[in-house]
Amino acid sequence: MYAQKLVVASMRTKGIMMVLIGAVLWGISGTVAQYLFQYSGFSPEWLVVVRLLISGTILLFLASLKSEKKIWDIWKDKKDVSSLILFSIFGMLAVQYTFFAAIKHSNAATATVLQYLAPAMISCFIAIKAKRLPTIKELIAVILALLGTFLLVTKGSMSSLSISGIALFWGLTSAVALAYYTLQPLRLLARWGSAIVIGWGMLIGGLSFSLIHPPWKFVGQWSFNALLAVLFIIIFGTIIAFYCYLESLKYISASETSILASVEPLSAAFLSVVWLHISFGLEEWLGTVCIISTIIILSFVKNKEDSNVTSLSA
């Protein structure tokens, strides 16, 4: 009995460590992307298309080795195909591009925190779809999300924005895209698994965006540091981060992963301040805490409509 408890505790610890590693890597990759935009002149368009194409290909290769389902079988059902294409373009591609665009026009910390408004948006959508009033916890979460956004983008001043209008637009659009990205593929994920759906989503999103911005249309200056940064975003910030997050779901609950994954905006904010020396004052930190609090609150909301909703970050 004691040995069994030790095994359970060990597996739980493994799950906690994996989700923390994945979330921190996501946070760091956003800051690394800011470095590429700010110091090497890279464009969000090029970085998005290359990240999606390479990461999608590698994830599908890994899925073909591990998954019992064949990666091509998803194309045999017309309903699955249409759902996958919608997810790839309006979910995967949209959340990637809007997030990097928000970083380009503001910074990684602000963009990541604004993107984490998605859980509050999802909660509101579920309540409306279920034709019910929000619960007290959901109302508190929404109020905290609005307060956090206000503090983040105005520094508490009613007269001006502390970030540009275009940065706010891309940040809020990123949150909407993440909400769609989280809710839309639930049936696909249940049927085919995360690795296959995410892999195809990335590859299709990258291929479709290549029609607008081909990967050979490069803007920026290459250096050894820039090369390391791109490799980090693709390998650590995408492939390893997704692997750790998905594997963690085997050992701990989805609500626990949602709470633990909230270290992503904290790591992005901390690294942006320490490494890139962005200005992040008391108001921004308070706004960040408010928005992260919504994730913790909503993770404990147990409704039949949203019990199976989990979030995979950008």
Protein backbone atom coordinates (compact mmCIF):
# COMPACT_ATOMS: atom_id res chain seq x y z
CA MET A 1 0.00 0.00 0.00
CA TYR A 2 2.79 2.41 0.93
CA ALA A 3 4.70 1.52 -2.24
CA GLN A 4 1.58 2.18 -4.32
CA LYS A 5 1.17 5.61 -2.74
CA LEU A 6 4.80 6.39 -3.53
CA VAL A 7 4.24 5.44 -7.18
CA VAL A 8 1.13 7.64 -7.40
CA ALA A 9 2.97 10.55 -5.76
CA SER A 10 5.91 10.07 -8.13
CA MET A 11 3.65 10.06 -11.21
CA ARG A 12 1.85 13.16 -9.96
CA THR A 13 5.16 14.93 -9.39
CA LYS A 14 6.20 13.96 -12.91
CA GLY A 15 3.00 15.47 -14.33
CA ILE A 16 3.43 18.70 -12.37
CA MET A 17 7.05 19.07 -13.49
CA MET A 18 6.15 18.41 -17.13
CA VAL A 19 3.38 21.01 -17.30
CA LEU A 20 5.60 23.56 -15.55
CA ILE A 21 8.43 22.90 -18.01
CA GLY A 22 6.06 23.23 -20.98
CA ALA A 23 4.50 26.46 -19.70
CA VAL A 24 7.86 28.06 -18.88
CA LEU A 25 9.20 27.13 -22.31
CA TRP A 26 6.14 28.77 -23.92
CA GLY A 27 6.76 31.91 -21.88
CA ILE A 28 10.44 31.99 -22.77
CA SER A 29 9.74 31.42 -26.48
CA GLY A 30 7.53 34.52 -26.56
CA THR A 31 10.36 36.58 -25.10
CA VAL A 32 12.83 35.05 -27.56
CA ALA A 33 10.46 36.01 -30.39
CA GLN A 34 10.47 39.59 -29.07
CA TYR A 35 14.27 39.50 -29.19
CA LEU A 36 14.14 38.49 -32.88
CA PHE A 37 11.65 41.25 -33.72
CA GLN A 38 13.42 43.93 -31.69
CA TYR A 39 17.10 43.23 -32.32
CA SER A 40 17.27 41.20 -35.53
CA GLY A 41 14.42 42.77 -37.52
CA PHE A 42 12.60 39.47 -38.12
CA SER A 43 8.97 39.66 -39.23
CA PRO A 44 6.16 37.85 -37.37
CA GLU A 45 4.94 36.48 -40.71
CA TRP A 46 8.19 34.65 -41.49
CA LEU A 47 8.59 33.32 -37.97
CA VAL A 48 5.01 32.02 -37.87
CA VAL A 49 5.17 30.23 -41.21
CA VAL A 50 8.54 28.60 -40.51
CA ARG A 51 7.55 27.60 -36.96
CA LEU A 52 4.31 25.99 -38.14
CA LEU A 53 5.80 24.14 -41.11
CA ILE A 54 8.79 22.68 -39.28
CA SER A 55 7.05 21.96 -35.97
CA GLY A 56 4.01 20.45 -37.68
CA THR A 57 6.16 18.12 -39.75
CA ILE A 58 8.17 16.96 -36.73
CA LEU A 59 5.08 16.49 -34.53
CA LEU A 60 3.38 14.37 -37.21
CA PHE A 61 6.52 12.27 -37.59
CA LEU A 62 6.62 11.68 -33.83
CA ALA A 63 2.87 10.93 -33.83
CA SER A 64 3.38 8.34 -36.56
CA LEU A 65 5.89 6.56 -34.33
CA LYS A 66 3.90 6.69 -31.07
CA SER A 67 0.20 6.80 -31.95
CA GLU A 68 -1.81 3.65 -32.59
CA LYS A 69 -3.87 5.63 -35.10
CA LYS A 70 -2.35 6.29 -38.52
CA ILE A 71 -1.81 10.00 -39.14
CA TRP A 72 -3.43 9.84 -42.62
CA ASP A 73 -6.69 8.24 -41.44
CA ILE A 74 -8.03 11.60 -40.29
CA TRP A 75 -8.46 12.52 -43.97
CA LYS A 76 -10.92 9.70 -44.63
CA ASP A 77 -13.90 11.41 -42.95
CA LYS A 78 -15.25 14.54 -44.67
CA LYS A 79 -16.55 15.95 -41.39
CA ASP A 80 -13.16 15.50 -39.75
CA VAL A 81 -11.43 17.11 -42.73
CA SER A 82 -13.59 20.23 -42.69
CA SER A 83 -13.23 20.54 -38.91
CA LEU A 84 -9.45 20.09 -39.16
CA ILE A 85 -9.12 22.77 -41.84
CA LEU A 86 -11.18 25.24 -39.80
CA PHE A 87 -9.06 24.52 -36.74
CA SER A 88 -5.82 24.84 -38.72
CA ILE A 89 -6.63 28.26 -40.19
CA PHE A 90 -8.90 29.99 -37.68
CA GLY A 91 -7.43 28.25 -34.63
CA MET A 92 -3.79 27.26 -34.99
CA LEU A 93 -2.66 29.82 -37.58
CA ALA A 94 -4.77 32.61 -36.11
CA VAL A 95 -3.53 32.12 -32.54
CA GLN A 96 0.10 31.91 -33.67
CA TYR A 97 0.03 34.98 -35.89
CA THR A 98 -2.02 37.23 -33.61
CA PHE A 99 0.22 36.33 -30.66
CA PHE A 100 3.44 37.17 -32.51
CA ALA A 101 1.87 40.33 -33.94
CA ALA A 102 0.93 41.41 -30.41
CA ILE A 103 4.54 40.82 -29.31
CA LYS A 104 5.82 42.80 -32.29
CA HIS A 105 3.67 45.83 -31.42
CA SER A 106 4.09 45.62 -27.62
CA ASN A 107 6.19 43.02 -25.81
CA ALA A 108 6.10 39.36 -24.87
CA ALA A 109 4.84 40.01 -21.34
CA THR A 110 1.85 42.12 -22.38
CA ALA A 111 0.97 39.86 -25.33
CA THR A 112 1.07 36.69 -23.21
CA VAL A 113 -1.02 38.15 -20.39
CA LEU A 114 -3.65 39.53 -22.81
CA GLN A 115 -3.85 36.13 -24.50
CA TYR A 116 -4.74 34.62 -21.12
CA LEU A 117 -8.06 36.44 -21.23
CA ALA A 118 -9.21 33.44 -23.27
CA PRO A 119 -10.46 31.35 -20.30
CA ALA A 120 -12.82 34.17 -19.25
CA MET A 121 -14.06 34.44 -22.85
CA ILE A 122 -14.60 30.69 -22.99
CA SER A 123 -16.56 30.78 -19.74
CA CYS A 124 -18.86 33.51 -21.09
CA PHE A 125 -19.36 31.63 -24.36
CA ILE A 126 -20.28 28.41 -22.56
CA ALA A 127 -22.78 30.22 -20.33
CA ILE A 128 -24.44 31.88 -23.35
CA LYS A 129 -24.54 28.62 -25.32
CA ALA A 130 -26.06 26.79 -22.35
CA LYS A 131 -28.62 29.63 -21.95
CA ARG A 132 -27.82 30.09 -18.30
CA LEU A 133 -26.64 32.92 -16.09
CA PRO A 134 -22.97 32.95 -15.13
CA THR A 135 -22.11 31.52 -11.73
CA ILE A 136 -20.69 33.74 -8.99
CA LYS A 137 -17.20 32.35 -9.66
CA GLU A 138 -17.54 33.07 -13.37
CA LEU A 139 -18.71 36.64 -12.70
CA ILE A 140 -15.76 37.23 -10.37
CA ALA A 141 -13.40 35.81 -12.99
CA VAL A 142 -14.78 38.07 -15.73
CA ILE A 143 -14.57 41.15 -13.48
CA LEU A 144 -10.97 40.29 -12.60
CA ALA A 145 -10.17 39.77 -16.30
CA LEU A 146 -11.60 43.19 -17.18
CA LEU A 147 -9.81 44.86 -14.27
CA GLY A 148 -6.55 43.15 -15.20
CA THR A 149 -6.85 44.25 -18.80
CA PHE A 150 -7.59 47.83 -17.72
CA LEU A 151 -4.52 47.95 -15.47
CA LEU A 152 -2.33 46.31 -18.09
CA VAL A 153 -3.18 48.62 -20.97
CA THR A 154 -3.72 51.92 -19.12
CA LYS A 155 -1.53 51.65 -15.98
CA GLY A 156 -4.63 52.73 -14.08
CA SER A 157 -5.10 55.97 -16.01
CA MET A 158 -8.50 56.70 -17.57
CA SER A 159 -7.02 59.22 -20.01
CA SER A 160 -4.51 57.21 -22.04
CA LEU A 161 -3.27 53.78 -23.12
CA SER A 162 0.14 52.52 -22.04
CA ILE A 163 0.31 50.38 -25.19
CA SER A 164 -0.63 51.23 -28.76
CA GLY A 165 -4.12 50.63 -30.12
CA ILE A 166 -2.76 48.11 -32.64
CA ALA A 167 -1.02 46.19 -29.84
CA LEU A 168 -4.27 46.05 -27.86
CA PHE A 169 -6.12 44.90 -30.97
CA TRP A 170 -3.71 42.03 -31.64
CA GLY A 171 -3.62 41.07 -27.96
CA LEU A 172 -7.41 40.83 -27.69
CA THR A 173 -7.63 39.09 -31.07
CA SER A 174 -5.07 36.59 -29.81
CA ALA A 175 -7.31 35.84 -26.81
CA VAL A 176 -10.32 35.31 -29.10
CA ALA A 177 -8.25 33.05 -31.36
CA LEU A 178 -7.05 31.04 -28.34
CA ALA A 179 -10.64 30.63 -27.15
CA TYR A 180 -11.66 29.29 -30.57
CA TYR A 181 -8.52 27.15 -30.72
CA THR A 182 -9.43 25.61 -27.36
CA LEU A 183 -13.12 24.92 -28.02
CA GLN A 184 -13.35 24.08 -31.72
CA PRO A 185 -11.29 20.85 -31.96
CA LEU A 186 -12.73 19.02 -28.92
CA ARG A 187 -14.37 16.30 -31.03
CA LEU A 188 -11.22 15.88 -33.16
CA LEU A 189 -9.02 15.67 -30.06
CA ALA A 190 -11.26 13.03 -28.49
CA ARG A 191 -11.21 10.92 -31.63
CA TRP A 192 -7.65 11.33 -32.92
CA GLY A 193 -5.55 12.55 -30.00
CA SER A 194 -3.65 15.76 -29.48
CA ALA A 195 -0.44 14.91 -31.33
CA ILE A 196 -2.15 14.16 -34.66
CA VAL A 197 -4.58 17.08 -34.49
CA ILE A 198 -1.96 19.63 -33.37
CA GLY A 199 0.57 18.31 -35.89
CA TRP A 200 -1.82 18.55 -38.83
CA GLY A 201 -3.10 21.89 -37.54
CA MET A 202 0.39 23.33 -37.60
CA LEU A 203 1.31 21.89 -40.99
CA ILE A 204 -1.94 22.95 -42.69
CA GLY A 205 -1.79 26.37 -41.05
CA GLY A 206 1.79 26.80 -42.24
CA LEU A 207 1.00 25.66 -45.78
CA SER A 208 -2.02 27.95 -46.05
CA PHE A 209 -0.06 30.94 -44.71
CA SER A 210 2.73 30.14 -47.18
CA LEU A 211 0.35 31.24 -49.95
CA ILE A 212 0.33 34.72 -48.38
CA HIS A 213 3.86 34.83 -46.99
CA PRO A 214 6.14 32.11 -48.40
CA PRO A 215 8.95 30.95 -46.09
CA TRP A 216 11.63 32.13 -48.50
CA LYS A 217 10.36 35.72 -48.18
CA PHE A 218 12.70 36.60 -45.34
CA VAL A 219 13.12 39.97 -43.62
CA GLY A 220 15.78 40.56 -40.97
CA GLN A 221 19.44 39.99 -40.17
CA TRP A 222 20.89 36.56 -39.51
CA SER A 223 23.44 36.04 -36.78
CA PHE A 224 24.51 33.13 -34.61
CA ASN A 225 22.26 34.38 -31.79
CA ALA A 226 19.33 34.79 -34.18
CA LEU A 227 19.80 31.22 -35.41
CA LEU A 228 19.85 29.93 -31.84
CA ALA A 229 16.69 31.93 -31.10
CA VAL A 230 14.79 30.45 -34.06
CA LEU A 231 15.90 26.92 -33.14
CA PHE A 232 14.82 27.49 -29.53
CA ILE A 233 11.34 28.64 -30.59
CA ILE A 234 10.87 25.63 -32.86
CA ILE A 235 12.45 22.90 -30.74
CA PHE A 236 11.96 24.00 -27.13
CA GLY A 237 9.15 26.55 -27.43
CA THR A 238 6.98 24.35 -29.66
CA ILE A 239 7.85 20.65 -29.91
CA ILE A 240 9.17 20.00 -26.39
CA ALA A 241 6.67 22.41 -24.79
CA PHE A 242 3.70 20.71 -26.47
CA TYR A 243 5.07 17.26 -25.67
CA CYS A 244 5.50 18.10 -21.97
CA TYR A 245 2.04 19.65 -21.74
CA LEU A 246 0.30 16.75 -23.48
CA GLU A 247 2.19 14.14 -21.46
CA SER A 248 1.33 15.91 -18.20
CA LEU A 249 -2.38 15.26 -18.86
CA LYS A 250 -1.69 11.55 -18.31
CA TYR A 251 -0.70 12.16 -14.70
CA ILE A 252 -2.70 15.16 -13.43
CA SER A 253 -6.15 16.59 -14.15
CA ALA A 254 -6.95 19.18 -16.83
CA SER A 255 -7.92 21.75 -14.19
CA GLU A 256 -4.57 21.31 -12.48
CA THR A 257 -2.70 21.74 -15.76
CA SER A 258 -4.66 24.95 -16.45
CA ILE A 259 -3.62 26.39 -13.09
CA LEU A 260 0.02 25.34 -13.39
CA ALA A 261 0.23 26.56 -17.00
CA SER A 262 -0.45 30.07 -15.72
CA VAL A 263 3.26 30.33 -14.98
CA GLU A 264 3.62 31.05 -18.72
CA PRO A 265 2.69 34.77 -18.50
CA LEU A 266 4.70 35.10 -15.29
CA SER A 267 7.81 33.64 -16.91
CA ALA A 268 7.31 35.81 -20.02
CA ALA A 269 6.91 38.95 -17.90
CA PHE A 270 9.87 38.16 -15.65
CA LEU A 271 12.23 37.34 -18.53
CA SER A 272 11.12 40.38 -20.54
CA VAL A 273 11.94 42.66 -17.61
CA VAL A 274 15.24 41.00 -16.70
CA TRP A 275 16.57 40.21 -20.19
CA LEU A 276 15.01 42.77 -22.55
CA HIS A 277 14.60 45.50 -19.91
CA ILE A 278 10.99 46.36 -20.75
CA SER A 279 9.10 48.67 -18.43
CA PHE A 280 6.66 46.65 -16.32
CA GLY A 281 5.44 48.61 -13.33
CA LEU A 282 3.22 47.89 -10.34
CA GLU A 283 0.00 48.40 -12.34
CA GLU A 284 1.07 45.87 -15.00
CA TRP A 285 2.00 43.30 -12.34
CA LEU A 286 -1.35 43.81 -10.61
CA GLY A 287 -3.13 43.41 -13.94
CA THR A 288 -1.16 40.22 -14.59
CA VAL A 289 -2.14 38.82 -11.19
CA CYS A 290 -5.81 39.65 -11.84
CA ILE A 291 -5.85 37.87 -15.20
CA ILE A 292 -3.97 34.82 -13.89
CA SER A 293 -6.44 34.68 -10.98
CA THR A 294 -9.25 34.13 -13.49
CA ILE A 295 -7.56 30.92 -14.63
CA ILE A 296 -7.30 29.62 -11.08
CA ILE A 297 -10.93 30.50 -10.31
CA LEU A 298 -12.32 29.04 -13.54
CA SER A 299 -10.29 25.86 -13.10
CA PHE A 300 -12.46 25.07 -10.09
CA VAL A 301 -15.76 25.71 -11.88
CA LYS A 302 -17.34 22.30 -12.47
CA ASN A 303 -20.06 22.47 -15.09
CA LYS A 304 -21.33 19.72 -17.33
CA GLU A 305 -20.83 22.03 -20.31
CA ASP A 306 -17.13 22.73 -19.75
CA SER A 307 -15.77 19.78 -17.78
CA ASN A 308 -13.89 18.53 -20.81
CA VAL A 309 -12.49 21.87 -21.96
CA THR A 310 -8.74 22.18 -21.63
CA SER A 311 -6.35 24.76 -23.01
CA LEU A 312 -3.23 24.32 -25.13
CA SER A 313 -1.24 27.52 -25.38
CA ALA A 314 0.41 29.04 -28.38
